[in-house]
C-alpha atoms as a PDB file:
ATOM      1  CA  MET A   1     -34.251 -71.007   1.407  1.00  0.00           C
ATOM      2  CA  ASN A   2     -35.117 -67.413   2.327  1.00  0.00           C
ATOM      3  CA  LEU A   3     -38.710 -66.294   2.100  1.00  0.00           C
ATOM      4  CA  PRO A   4     -39.280 -63.732  -0.663  1.00  0.00           C
ATOM      5  CA  ILE A   5     -39.445 -60.120   0.468  1.00  0.00           C
ATOM      6  CA  ARG A   6     -42.938 -58.979  -0.426  1.00  0.00           C
ATOM      7  CA  THR A   7     -42.643 -55.434  -1.760  1.00  0.00           C
ATOM      8  CA  LEU A   8     -45.094 -52.655  -2.590  1.00  0.00           C
ATOM      9  CA  VAL A   9     -44.267 -49.614  -4.759  1.00  0.00           C
ATOM     10  CA  VAL A  10     -46.118 -46.347  -4.090  1.00  0.00           C
ATOM     11  CA  ASP A  11     -45.629 -43.297  -6.330  1.00  0.00           C
ATOM     12  CA  ASP A  12     -48.026 -40.951  -8.101  1.00  0.00           C
ATOM     13  CA  GLU A  13     -45.800 -40.840 -11.203  1.00  0.00           C
ATOM     14  CA  PRO A  14     -46.405 -43.859 -13.499  1.00  0.00           C
ATOM     15  CA  LEU A  15     -42.901 -43.764 -14.988  1.00  0.00           C
ATOM     16  CA  ALA A  16     -41.341 -43.616 -11.538  1.00  0.00           C
ATOM     17  CA  ARG A  17     -43.359 -46.660 -10.407  1.00  0.00           C
ATOM     18  CA  GLU A  18     -42.418 -48.595 -13.519  1.00  0.00           C
ATOM     19  CA  GLY A  19     -38.751 -47.733 -13.066  1.00  0.00           C
ATOM     20  CA  VAL A  20     -38.652 -48.962  -9.470  1.00  0.00           C
ATOM     21  CA  ILE A  21     -40.576 -52.130 -10.371  1.00  0.00           C
ATOM     22  CA  ALA A  22     -38.146 -52.855 -13.226  1.00  0.00           C
ATOM     23  CA  LEU A  23     -35.160 -52.545 -10.885  1.00  0.00           C
ATOM     24  CA  LEU A  24     -36.825 -54.728  -8.244  1.00  0.00           C
ATOM     25  CA  ALA A  25     -37.524 -57.396 -10.866  1.00  0.00           C
ATOM     26  CA  GLN A  26     -33.767 -57.944 -11.210  1.00  0.00           C
ATOM     27  CA  ASP A  27     -33.489 -59.163  -7.611  1.00  0.00           C
ATOM     28  CA  PRO A  28     -34.555 -62.789  -7.037  1.00  0.00           C
ATOM     29  CA  ASP A  29     -35.213 -62.108  -3.344  1.00  0.00           C
ATOM     30  CA  ILE A  30     -37.950 -59.595  -4.136  1.00  0.00           C
ATOM     31  CA  GLU A  31     -41.604 -60.331  -4.898  1.00  0.00           C
ATOM     32  CA  VAL A  32     -43.481 -57.239  -6.074  1.00  0.00           C
ATOM     33  CA  ILE A  33     -47.016 -57.695  -4.768  1.00  0.00           C
ATOM     34  CA  GLY A  34     -48.483 -54.491  -6.170  1.00  0.00           C
ATOM     35  CA  ASN A  35     -48.247 -50.772  -6.785  1.00  0.00           C
ATOM     36  CA  CYS A  36     -50.432 -47.727  -6.281  1.00  0.00           C
ATOM     37  CA  ALA A  37     -50.478 -44.005  -6.978  1.00  0.00           C
ATOM     38  CA  ASP A  38     -51.817 -42.253  -3.869  1.00  0.00           C
ATOM     39  CA  GLY A  39     -51.510 -42.306  -0.116  1.00  0.00           C
ATOM     40  CA  GLN A  40     -54.977 -43.649   0.732  1.00  0.00           C
ATOM     41  CA  SER A  41     -54.534 -46.580  -1.671  1.00  0.00           C
ATOM     42  CA  ALA A  42     -51.171 -47.235  -0.052  1.00  0.00           C
ATOM     43  CA  VAL A  43     -52.771 -47.458   3.406  1.00  0.00           C
ATOM     44  CA  ASN A  44     -55.434 -49.844   2.085  1.00  0.00           C
ATOM     45  CA  MET A  45     -52.946 -52.071   0.262  1.00  0.00           C
ATOM     46  CA  ILE A  46     -50.547 -52.239   3.202  1.00  0.00           C
ATOM     47  CA  ARG A  47     -53.375 -53.342   5.475  1.00  0.00           C
ATOM     48  CA  ALA A  48     -54.681 -55.863   2.942  1.00  0.00           C
ATOM     49  CA  GLN A  49     -51.400 -57.259   1.591  1.00  0.00           C
ATOM     50  CA  HIS A  50     -49.034 -56.900   4.605  1.00  0.00           C
ATOM     51  CA  PRO A  51     -45.862 -56.206   2.579  1.00  0.00           C
ATOM     52  CA  ASP A  52     -42.425 -56.577   4.159  1.00  0.00           C
ATOM     53  CA  LEU A  53     -41.044 -53.572   2.298  1.00  0.00           C
ATOM     54  CA  VAL A  54     -42.531 -50.441   0.725  1.00  0.00           C
ATOM     55  CA  PHE A  55     -40.849 -47.968  -1.607  1.00  0.00           C
ATOM     56  CA  LEU A  56     -42.854 -44.892  -0.634  1.00  0.00           C
ATOM     57  CA  ASP A  57     -43.072 -41.521  -2.350  1.00  0.00           C
ATOM     58  CA  VAL A  58     -43.402 -38.449  -0.126  1.00  0.00           C
ATOM     59  CA  GLN A  59     -45.518 -36.021  -2.179  1.00  0.00           C
ATOM     60  CA  MET A  60     -48.721 -37.754  -3.316  1.00  0.00           C
ATOM     61  CA  PRO A  61     -52.456 -37.041  -3.632  1.00  0.00           C
ATOM     62  CA  LYS A  62     -54.850 -37.735  -0.733  1.00  0.00           C
ATOM     63  CA  ARG A  63     -52.076 -38.559   1.755  1.00  0.00           C
ATOM     64  CA  ASN A  64     -48.361 -37.903   1.642  1.00  0.00           C
ATOM     65  CA  GLY A  65     -45.845 -40.571   2.601  1.00  0.00           C
ATOM     66  CA  PHE A  66     -45.541 -39.395   6.206  1.00  0.00           C
ATOM     67  CA  GLU A  67     -49.316 -39.366   6.621  1.00  0.00           C
ATOM     68  CA  VAL A  68     -49.479 -42.922   5.304  1.00  0.00           C
ATOM     69  CA  LEU A  69     -47.228 -44.066   8.131  1.00  0.00           C
ATOM     70  CA  ALA A  70     -49.132 -41.993  10.680  1.00  0.00           C
ATOM     71  CA  GLU A  71     -52.369 -43.724   9.615  1.00  0.00           C
ATOM     72  CA  LEU A  72     -50.935 -47.197  10.210  1.00  0.00           C
ATOM     73  CA  LYS A  73     -50.705 -48.895  13.587  1.00  0.00           C
ATOM     74  CA  PRO A  74     -47.185 -49.918  14.700  1.00  0.00           C
ATOM     75  CA  ALA A  75     -47.822 -53.586  13.930  1.00  0.00           C
ATOM     76  CA  GLU A  76     -48.977 -52.684  10.401  1.00  0.00           C
ATOM     77  CA  ARG A  77     -45.896 -50.717   9.377  1.00  0.00           C
ATOM     78  CA  PRO A  78     -43.451 -52.389   6.969  1.00  0.00           C
ATOM     79  CA  VAL A  79     -39.850 -51.429   6.320  1.00  0.00           C
ATOM     80  CA  ILE A  80     -39.850 -48.124   4.436  1.00  0.00           C
ATOM     81  CA  VAL A  81     -37.557 -46.677   1.780  1.00  0.00           C
ATOM     82  CA  PHE A  82     -38.591 -43.129   0.923  1.00  0.00           C
ATOM     83  CA  VAL A  83     -38.476 -42.154  -2.747  1.00  0.00           C
ATOM     84  CA  THR A  84     -38.707 -38.410  -3.268  1.00  0.00           C
ATOM     85  CA  ALA A  85     -37.616 -35.454  -5.339  1.00  0.00           C
ATOM     86  CA  TYR A  86     -37.794 -33.250  -2.227  1.00  0.00           C
ATOM     87  CA  ASP A  87     -34.874 -33.928   0.105  1.00  0.00           C
ATOM     88  CA  GLN A  88     -36.072 -31.329   2.618  1.00  0.00           C
ATOM     89  CA  TYR A  89     -38.997 -33.603   3.510  1.00  0.00           C
ATOM     90  CA  ALA A  90     -36.954 -36.744   4.000  1.00  0.00           C
ATOM     91  CA  ILE A  91     -33.454 -36.139   5.333  1.00  0.00           C
ATOM     92  CA  GLN A  92     -34.309 -35.796   8.989  1.00  0.00           C
ATOM     93  CA  ALA A  93     -36.981 -38.490   8.832  1.00  0.00           C
ATOM     94  CA  PHE A  94     -34.229 -40.762   7.550  1.00  0.00           C
ATOM     95  CA  ASP A  95     -31.932 -39.751  10.379  1.00  0.00           C
ATOM     96  CA  HIS A  96     -34.455 -40.791  12.970  1.00  0.00           C
ATOM     97  CA  CYS A  97     -36.515 -43.577  11.478  1.00  0.00           C
ATOM     98  CA  ALA A  98     -36.372 -44.596   7.831  1.00  0.00           C
ATOM     99  CA  VAL A  99     -34.161 -47.416   6.600  1.00  0.00           C
ATOM    100  CA  ASP A 100     -33.074 -45.340   3.601  1.00  0.00           C
ATOM    101  CA  TYR A 101     -34.379 -43.007   0.959  1.00  0.00           C
ATOM    102  CA  LEU A 102     -33.762 -42.320  -2.673  1.00  0.00           C
ATOM    103  CA  LEU A 103     -33.569 -38.806  -4.052  1.00  0.00           C
ATOM    104  CA  LYS A 104     -34.912 -38.621  -7.611  1.00  0.00           C
ATOM    105  CA  PRO A 105     -33.298 -38.972 -10.053  1.00  0.00           C
ATOM    106  CA  PHE A 106     -31.116 -41.776  -8.712  1.00  0.00           C
ATOM    107  CA  ARG A 107     -28.573 -44.095 -10.291  1.00  0.00           C
ATOM    108  CA  ASP A 108     -29.003 -47.877 -10.432  1.00  0.00           C
ATOM    109  CA  ALA A 109     -26.062 -48.319  -8.058  1.00  0.00           C
ATOM    110  CA  ARG A 110     -27.674 -46.033  -5.488  1.00  0.00           C
ATOM    111  CA  PHE A 111     -30.929 -47.990  -5.773  1.00  0.00           C
ATOM    112  CA  ALA A 112     -29.053 -51.259  -5.291  1.00  0.00           C
ATOM    113  CA  ALA A 113     -27.426 -49.941  -2.120  1.00  0.00           C
ATOM    114  CA  ALA A 114     -30.790 -48.837  -0.703  1.00  0.00           C
ATOM    115  CA  LEU A 115     -32.385 -52.167  -1.587  1.00  0.00           C
ATOM    116  CA  ALA A 116     -29.556 -54.125   0.035  1.00  0.00           C
ATOM    117  CA  ARG A 117     -29.938 -52.086   3.218  1.00  0.00           C
ATOM    118  CA  ALA A 118     -33.714 -52.578   3.220  1.00  0.00           C
ATOM    119  CA  LYS A 119     -33.400 -56.330   2.657  1.00  0.00           C
ATOM    120  CA  GLY A 120     -31.035 -56.567   5.591  1.00  0.00           C
ATOM    121  CA  GLU A 121     -33.513 -54.706   7.772  1.00  0.00           C
ATOM    122  CA  VAL A 122     -36.404 -56.942   6.725  1.00  0.00           C
ATOM    123  CA  ARG A 123     -34.413 -60.050   7.609  1.00  0.00           C
ATOM    124  CA  LYS A 124     -33.386 -58.593  10.951  1.00  0.00           C
ATOM    125  CA  LEU A 125     -36.956 -57.650  11.817  1.00  0.00           C
ATOM    126  CA  ARG A 126     -38.159 -61.109  10.941  1.00  0.00           C
ATOM    127  CA  VAL A 127     -35.953 -62.310  13.782  1.00  0.00           C
ATOM    128  CA  VAL A 128     -36.192 -59.590  16.409  1.00  0.00           C
ATOM    129  CA  GLY A 129     -39.540 -57.960  15.545  1.00  0.00           C
ATOM    130  CA  LEU A 130     -40.272 -54.343  14.810  1.00  0.00           C
ATOM    131  CA  GLY A 131     -38.655 -51.955  17.292  1.00  0.00           C
ATOM    132  CA  GLU A 132     -39.706 -48.531  18.468  1.00  0.00           C
ATOM    133  CA  THR A 133     -37.984 -46.580  15.687  1.00  0.00           C
ATOM    134  CA  MET A 134     -41.194 -46.132  13.712  1.00  0.00           C
ATOM    135  CA  GLU A 135     -42.784 -44.597  16.801  1.00  0.00           C
ATOM    136  CA  GLN A 136     -40.167 -41.871  16.509  1.00  0.00           C
ATOM    137  CA  LEU A 137     -41.416 -41.149  12.995  1.00  0.00           C
ATOM    138  CA  LEU A 138     -44.928 -40.611  14.349  1.00  0.00           C
ATOM    139  CA  GLY A 139     -43.547 -38.048  16.787  1.00  0.00           C
ATOM    140  CA  TYR A 140     -41.724 -36.407  13.920  1.00  0.00           C
ATOM    141  CA  VAL A 141     -44.880 -36.333  11.782  1.00  0.00           C
ATOM    142  CA  LYS A 142     -47.008 -34.929  14.606  1.00  0.00           C
ATOM    143  CA  GLU A 143     -44.492 -32.147  15.152  1.00  0.00           C
ATOM    144  CA  MET A 144     -44.389 -31.417  11.426  1.00  0.00           C
ATOM    145  CA  VAL A 145     -48.205 -31.274  11.275  1.00  0.00           C
ATOM    146  CA  ARG A 146     -48.401 -29.101  14.403  1.00  0.00           C
ATOM    147  CA  THR A 147     -45.868 -26.530  13.228  1.00  0.00           C
ATOM    148  CA  GLY A 148     -46.372 -26.769   9.460  1.00  0.00           C
ATOM    149  CA  THR A 149     -42.603 -27.057   9.008  1.00  0.00           C
ATOM    150  CA  VAL A 150     -39.963 -29.770   9.051  1.00  0.00           C
ATOM    151  CA  PRO A 151     -38.543 -29.857  12.591  1.00  0.00           C
ATOM    152  CA  ALA A 152     -34.787 -29.514  12.886  1.00  0.00           C
ATOM    153  CA  ILE A 153     -33.403 -28.948  16.365  1.00  0.00           C
ATOM    154  CA  SER A 154     -36.727 -29.905  17.922  1.00  0.00           C
ATOM    155  CA  ALA A 155     -36.700 -33.425  16.471  1.00  0.00           C
ATOM    156  CA  PRO A 156     -37.673 -35.970  19.156  1.00  0.00           C
ATOM    157  CA  PRO A 157     -34.890 -37.815  20.972  1.00  0.00           C
ATOM    158  CA  PRO A 158     -34.519 -41.570  20.598  1.00  0.00           C
ATOM    159  CA  ALA A 159     -36.999 -43.533  22.675  1.00  0.00           C
ATOM    160  CA  ALA A 160     -35.755 -45.357  25.767  1.00  0.00           C
ATOM    161  CA  GLY A 161     -33.869 -48.486  24.847  1.00  0.00           C
ATOM    162  CA  VAL A 162     -33.266 -47.369  21.242  1.00  0.00           C
ATOM    163  CA  GLU A 163     -29.623 -46.857  20.379  1.00  0.00           C
ATOM    164  CA  PRO A 164     -28.676 -43.605  18.600  1.00  0.00           C
ATOM    165  CA  ALA A 165     -28.231 -43.812  14.844  1.00  0.00           C
ATOM    166  CA  ASP A 166     -24.801 -45.038  13.790  1.00  0.00           C
ATOM    167  CA  ARG A 167     -24.686 -42.770  10.755  1.00  0.00           C
ATOM    168  CA  VAL A 168     -25.767 -39.322   9.632  1.00  0.00           C
ATOM    169  CA  VAL A 169     -26.740 -37.803   6.302  1.00  0.00           C
ATOM    170  CA  LEU A 170     -24.672 -34.831   5.165  1.00  0.00           C
ATOM    171  CA  LYS A 171     -25.901 -32.797   2.193  1.00  0.00           C
ATOM    172  CA  THR A 172     -23.278 -30.991   0.125  1.00  0.00           C
ATOM    173  CA  GLY A 173     -24.722 -29.291  -2.925  1.00  0.00           C
ATOM    174  CA  SER A 174     -26.941 -31.880  -4.617  1.00  0.00           C
ATOM    175  CA  ASP A 175     -25.007 -34.817  -3.152  1.00  0.00           C
ATOM    176  CA  LEU A 176     -25.962 -36.780  -0.038  1.00  0.00           C
ATOM    177  CA  HIS A 177     -23.202 -38.434   1.985  1.00  0.00           C
ATOM    178  CA  PHE A 178     -24.013 -41.248   4.393  1.00  0.00           C
ATOM    179  CA  ILE A 179     -21.332 -41.033   7.089  1.00  0.00           C
ATOM    180  CA  LYS A 180     -20.766 -43.483   9.908  1.00  0.00           C
ATOM    181  CA  THR A 181     -20.548 -41.530  13.146  1.00  0.00           C
ATOM    182  CA  SER A 182     -17.564 -43.662  14.145  1.00  0.00           C
ATOM    183  CA  ASP A 183     -15.706 -42.178  11.141  1.00  0.00           C
ATOM    184  CA  ILE A 184     -16.279 -38.590  12.299  1.00  0.00           C
ATOM    185  CA  ILE A 185     -13.160 -37.288  14.077  1.00  0.00           C
ATOM    186  CA  TRP A 186     -14.296 -33.771  14.917  1.00  0.00           C
ATOM    187  CA  VAL A 187     -16.573 -31.032  13.635  1.00  0.00           C
ATOM    188  CA  GLU A 188     -15.896 -27.298  13.451  1.00  0.00           C
ATOM    189  CA  SER A 189     -18.336 -24.447  13.039  1.00  0.00           C
ATOM    190  CA  GLN A 190     -17.684 -22.012  10.182  1.00  0.00           C
ATOM    191  CA  ALA A 191     -20.371 -19.292  10.162  1.00  0.00           C
ATOM    192  CA  ASP A 192     -23.487 -20.856   8.576  1.00  0.00           C
ATOM    193  CA  PHE A 193     -21.627 -24.088   7.809  1.00  0.00           C
ATOM    194  CA  VAL A 194     -19.922 -26.907   9.648  1.00  0.00           C
ATOM    195  CA  LYS A 195     -16.833 -28.735   8.441  1.00  0.00           C
ATOM    196  CA  VAL A 196     -16.995 -32.412   9.289  1.00  0.00           C
ATOM    197  CA  HIS A 197     -13.539 -33.971   9.561  1.00  0.00           C
ATOM    198  CA  THR A 198     -13.672 -37.722   9.000  1.00  0.00           C
ATOM    199  CA  THR A 199     -11.256 -40.594   8.530  1.00  0.00           C
ATOM    200  CA  GLY A 200     -11.787 -39.943   4.811  1.00  0.00           C
ATOM    201  CA  ALA A 201     -12.423 -36.573   3.191  1.00  0.00           C
ATOM    202  CA  ALA A 202     -13.729 -33.549   5.094  1.00  0.00           C
ATOM    203  CA  GLN A 203     -17.238 -32.353   4.194  1.00  0.00           C
ATOM    204  CA  LEU A 204     -18.429 -28.740   4.319  1.00  0.00           C
ATOM    205  CA  VAL A 205     -22.147 -28.778   5.134  1.00  0.00           C
ATOM    206  CA  ARG A 206     -24.690 -25.988   5.434  1.00  0.00           C
ATOM    207  CA  GLU A 207     -25.924 -26.800   8.921  1.00  0.00           C
ATOM    208  CA  THR A 208     -25.507 -25.568  12.482  1.00  0.00           C
ATOM    209  CA  LEU A 209     -23.183 -27.272  14.922  1.00  0.00           C
ATOM    210  CA  GLN A 210     -26.008 -27.400  17.449  1.00  0.00           C
ATOM    211  CA  ASN A 211     -28.245 -29.311  15.048  1.00  0.00           C
ATOM    212  CA  LEU A 212     -25.532 -31.812  14.144  1.00  0.00           C
ATOM    213  CA  GLU A 213     -24.682 -32.295  17.813  1.00  0.00           C
ATOM    214  CA  GLN A 214     -28.255 -33.408  18.454  1.00  0.00           C
ATOM    215  CA  ARG A 215     -28.031 -36.012  15.691  1.00  0.00           C
ATOM    216  CA  VAL A 216     -25.087 -37.929  17.158  1.00  0.00           C
ATOM    217  CA  ASP A 217     -24.655 -40.025  20.294  1.00  0.00           C
ATOM    218  CA  PRO A 218     -24.052 -37.727  23.297  1.00  0.00           C
ATOM    219  CA  ALA A 219     -22.118 -40.546  24.973  1.00  0.00           C
ATOM    220  CA  LYS A 220     -19.605 -40.474  22.106  1.00  0.00           C
ATOM    221  CA  PHE A 221     -19.448 -36.765  21.190  1.00  0.00           C
ATOM    222  CA  LEU A 222     -18.627 -33.751  23.349  1.00  0.00           C
ATOM    223  CA  ARG A 223     -18.787 -30.019  22.593  1.00  0.00           C
ATOM    224  CA  ILE A 224     -15.459 -28.765  23.980  1.00  0.00           C
ATOM    225  CA  HIS A 225     -15.814 -25.281  22.527  1.00  0.00           C
ATOM    226  CA  ARG A 226     -18.605 -23.225  20.959  1.00  0.00           C
ATOM    227  CA  SER A 227     -17.087 -24.042  17.569  1.00  0.00           C
ATOM    228  CA  SER A 228     -15.762 -27.585  18.165  1.00  0.00           C
ATOM    229  CA  LEU A 229     -17.470 -30.953  18.607  1.00  0.00           C
ATOM    230  CA  VAL A 230     -15.198 -33.979  19.109  1.00  0.00           C
ATOM    231  CA  ASN A 231     -15.631 -37.735  18.842  1.00  0.00           C
ATOM    232  CA  LEU A 232     -14.244 -39.098  22.110  1.00  0.00           C
ATOM    233  CA  ASP A 233     -13.046 -42.270  20.388  1.00  0.00           C
ATOM    234  CA  HIS A 234     -10.668 -40.097  18.347  1.00  0.00           C
ATOM    235  CA  VAL A 235      -9.144 -38.131  21.241  1.00  0.00           C
ATOM    236  CA  LYS A 236      -5.469 -39.115  21.610  1.00  0.00           C
ATOM    237  CA  LYS A 237      -4.500 -36.980  24.588  1.00  0.00           C
ATOM    238  CA  VAL A 238      -5.163 -33.787  26.528  1.00  0.00           C
ATOM    239  CA  THR A 239      -2.234 -31.613  27.608  1.00  0.00           C
ATOM    240  CA  PRO A 240      -1.966 -28.340  29.597  1.00  0.00           C
ATOM    241  CA  ALA A 241      -1.151 -25.151  27.685  1.00  0.00           C
ATOM    242  CA  LEU A 242      -0.475 -21.540  28.621  1.00  0.00           C
ATOM    243  CA  TYR A 243      -2.758 -19.468  30.852  1.00  0.00           C
ATOM    244  CA  GLY A 244      -4.677 -22.459  32.153  1.00  0.00           C
ATOM    245  CA  ASP A 245      -5.873 -23.601  28.741  1.00  0.00           C
ATOM    246  CA  TYR A 246      -5.628 -27.181  27.430  1.00  0.00           C
ATOM    247  CA  VAL A 247      -4.860 -28.738  24.070  1.00  0.00           C
ATOM    248  CA  VAL A 248      -6.927 -31.687  22.851  1.00  0.00           C
ATOM    249  CA  LEU A 249      -5.008 -33.801  20.322  1.00  0.00           C
ATOM    250  CA  MET A 250      -7.210 -35.695  17.872  1.00  0.00           C
ATOM    251  CA  SER A 251      -6.427 -38.853  15.914  1.00  0.00           C
ATOM    252  CA  ASP A 252      -5.780 -36.805  12.751  1.00  0.00           C
ATOM    253  CA  ASP A 253      -3.171 -34.832  14.756  1.00  0.00           C
ATOM    254  CA  THR A 254      -5.373 -31.726  14.876  1.00  0.00           C
ATOM    255  CA  LYS A 255      -4.843 -29.720  18.054  1.00  0.00           C
ATOM    256  CA  LEU A 256      -7.987 -28.144  19.469  1.00  0.00           C
ATOM    257  CA  ARG A 257      -8.150 -25.548  22.217  1.00  0.00           C
ATOM    258  CA  LEU A 258     -10.079 -26.069  25.405  1.00  0.00           C
ATOM    259  CA  SER A 259     -10.011 -22.802  27.337  1.00  0.00           C
ATOM    260  CA  ARG A 260      -9.889 -22.453  31.098  1.00  0.00           C
ATOM    261  CA  LYS A 261     -13.389 -21.008  30.890  1.00  0.00           C
ATOM    262  CA  ASN A 262     -14.525 -24.509  29.942  1.00  0.00           C
ATOM    263  CA  ARG A 263     -13.083 -26.386  32.912  1.00  0.00           C
ATOM    264  CA  GLY A 264     -16.446 -28.094  33.260  1.00  0.00           C
ATOM    265  CA  LYS A 265     -16.009 -29.493  29.751  1.00  0.00           C
ATOM    266  CA  LEU A 266     -12.529 -30.709  30.701  1.00  0.00           C
ATOM    267  CA  LYS A 267     -13.971 -32.634  33.643  1.00  0.00           C
ATOM    268  CA  GLN A 268     -16.598 -34.180  31.348  1.00  0.00           C
ATOM    269  CA  LEU A 269     -13.925 -35.060  28.808  1.00  0.00           C
ATOM    270  CA  ILE A 270     -11.687 -36.753  31.376  1.00  0.00           C
ATOM    271  CA  ALA A 271     -14.613 -38.590  32.975  1.00  0.00           C
ATOM    272  CA  ARG A 272     -15.898 -39.909  29.651  1.00  0.00           C
ATOM    273  CA  LEU A 273     -12.480 -40.907  28.385  1.00  0.00           C
ATOM    274  CA  SER A 274     -11.774 -42.680  31.674  1.00  0.00           C
ATOM    275  CA  ALA A 275     -15.114 -44.496  31.497  1.00  0.00           C
ATOM    276  CA  ALA A 276     -14.456 -45.521  27.902  1.00  0.00           C
ATOM    277  CA  GLY A 277     -11.103 -46.963  28.919  1.00  0.00           C
ATOM    278  CA  GLU A 278     -12.479 -49.128  31.745  1.00  0.00           C
ATOM    279  CA  PRO A 279     -12.748 -52.862  31.056  1.00  0.00           C
ATOM    280  CA  ASN A 280     -16.254 -54.288  30.799  1.00  0.00           C
END
């Protein structure tokens, strides 16, 4: 029999706390051990109760959600699901560290998906122990405190031994799309937007190509042009074209140009594709 997942709910809005608690009560694997309304109380309860999982608001009195985590020692930090009405505070924290986050108002199905992901993480950590990913969040918080803004391009790289995230968050309008990086075929820059071509539908996102490039695994993605980023796993072939240029054929049959000015990129592309094709 699995041990119950001891869960704490932190939100300064009483109705929001009650709503999360009511949803958690429907899951037999969850034991709600308490709730609180401000960041300092959250720190105290986490240290006293040692929850496995915390649903944590971002904007709260006394300490915000990020400051709560910064106050805790690595061994004290539980699995975190951010709950916030302010996506600008949470998206990049999620990309680097958080298990998931919920953007208010959320649907029951979205909550269930976040809870399932968090439960899986708790069970994994019970076996392997807490990794260094929460240390990345501290670096993120320190940078945010230092600059007074949410870092974008300057977000810290993964710590040694930590694998890059296998998914990214793409915001289109008010919707958030959680995309596996393995499903991304290629990305093109379109002025202040990027168009992310995936094995499913393409997504037009207000973001820079440079920023997105830093959020994916550099061993899997290569910038072959100032406006094109490709997933090497989706490159079908590279063929010569006129005037010393090359054509890169992707798995969706898109043909991308690699100019002779980027011969260095061609060498990188061939080297990486060759390495990927070698037997282990």
